[in-house]
Protein backbone atom coordinates (compact mmCIF):
# COMPACT_ATOMS: atom_id res chain seq x y z
CA UNK A 1 21.86 19.32 -0.26
CA UNK A 2 22.91 22.06 2.14
CA UNK A 3 24.46 20.81 5.35
CA UNK A 4 24.55 22.46 8.74
CA UNK A 5 26.71 21.75 11.75
CA UNK A 6 25.39 21.85 15.28
CA UNK A 7 24.97 20.21 18.65
CA UNK A 8 22.29 18.06 20.19
CA UNK A 9 22.07 17.74 23.97
CA UNK A 10 20.09 14.81 25.31
CA UNK A 11 19.06 14.34 28.94
CA UNK A 12 17.76 10.90 29.90
CA UNK A 13 15.75 10.78 33.11
CA UNK A 14 15.18 7.00 33.17
CA UNK A 15 17.96 4.58 32.23
CA UNK A 16 15.36 2.32 30.60
CA UNK A 17 15.10 4.88 27.77
CA UNK A 18 18.85 4.71 27.07
CA UNK A 19 18.66 1.69 24.77
CA UNK A 20 16.07 3.40 22.55
CA UNK A 21 18.19 6.58 22.50
CA UNK A 22 21.28 4.63 21.53
CA UNK A 23 19.41 2.80 18.75
CA UNK A 24 18.20 6.08 17.23
CA UNK A 25 21.69 7.59 17.50
CA UNK A 26 23.11 4.51 15.76
CA UNK A 27 20.62 4.94 12.92
CA UNK A 28 22.08 8.43 12.32
CA UNK A 29 25.75 7.47 12.84
CA UNK A 30 26.84 8.94 9.48
CA UNK A 31 25.69 12.41 10.68
CA UNK A 32 27.55 12.32 14.00
CA UNK A 33 31.03 13.82 14.19
CA UNK A 34 31.51 13.37 17.96
CA UNK A 35 29.67 12.00 20.97
CA UNK A 36 30.21 12.59 24.67
CA UNK A 37 28.30 10.84 27.44
CA UNK A 38 28.09 11.70 31.10
CA UNK A 39 26.32 9.24 33.41
CA UNK A 40 25.26 10.95 36.63
CA UNK A 41 24.08 7.77 38.31
CA UNK A 42 23.78 9.31 41.78
CA UNK A 43 21.32 11.86 40.35
CA UNK A 44 19.53 9.40 38.01
CA UNK A 45 20.47 11.56 35.01
CA UNK A 46 22.35 10.58 31.90
CA UNK A 47 23.54 13.25 29.47
CA UNK A 48 24.69 12.76 25.89
CA UNK A 49 26.06 15.56 23.70
CA UNK A 50 26.40 15.10 19.95
CA UNK A 51 28.21 17.19 17.35
CA UNK A 52 26.38 16.68 14.08
CA UNK A 53 26.67 17.59 10.40
CA UNK A 54 23.80 17.00 7.99
CA UNK A 55 20.82 18.67 6.34
CA UNK A 56 18.44 20.56 8.62
CA UNK A 57 15.66 18.13 7.66
CA UNK A 58 17.67 15.09 8.68
CA UNK A 59 18.82 16.72 11.95
CA UNK A 60 15.21 17.64 12.73
CA UNK A 61 14.13 14.06 12.05
CA UNK A 62 16.75 12.80 14.50
CA UNK A 63 15.79 15.25 17.25
CA UNK A 64 12.09 14.58 16.64
CA UNK A 65 12.53 10.84 17.16
CA UNK A 66 14.57 11.42 20.31
CA UNK A 67 12.17 14.02 21.67
CA UNK A 68 9.18 11.69 21.36
CA UNK A 69 10.75 9.13 23.70
CA UNK A 70 9.39 9.12 27.25
CA UNK A 71 11.79 10.43 29.93
CA UNK A 72 14.06 12.06 27.32
CA UNK A 73 14.63 15.80 26.79
CA UNK A 74 16.40 17.15 23.68
CA UNK A 75 17.78 20.57 22.76
CA UNK A 76 19.44 21.47 19.45
CA UNK A 77 21.61 24.35 18.26
CA UNK A 78 22.38 24.62 14.54
CA UNK A 79 24.77 26.94 12.76
CA UNK A 80 23.08 29.74 10.84
CA UNK A 81 25.26 29.28 7.77
CA UNK A 82 25.14 26.30 5.45
CA UNK A 83 28.37 24.40 4.91
CA UNK A 84 29.96 24.10 1.50
CA UNK A 85 30.62 20.57 0.33
């Protein structure tokens, strides 16, 4: 299986969606190398950035689940090259 490394940026517009986001992220914990969260409570925005390493299919599955949540926006950048194991 070829792995890729990349980033996922998640913007949460309603704090109610945060628990669903966190559950999905937990389901993919083995793919996550780092996580950074920034709660902008005064602006009602919550931002999470993930550094990930996994197959493109698995990364796409993660971003697809996140992107289908209401009040959640997701953007992904993946490396062009596959990583050697």
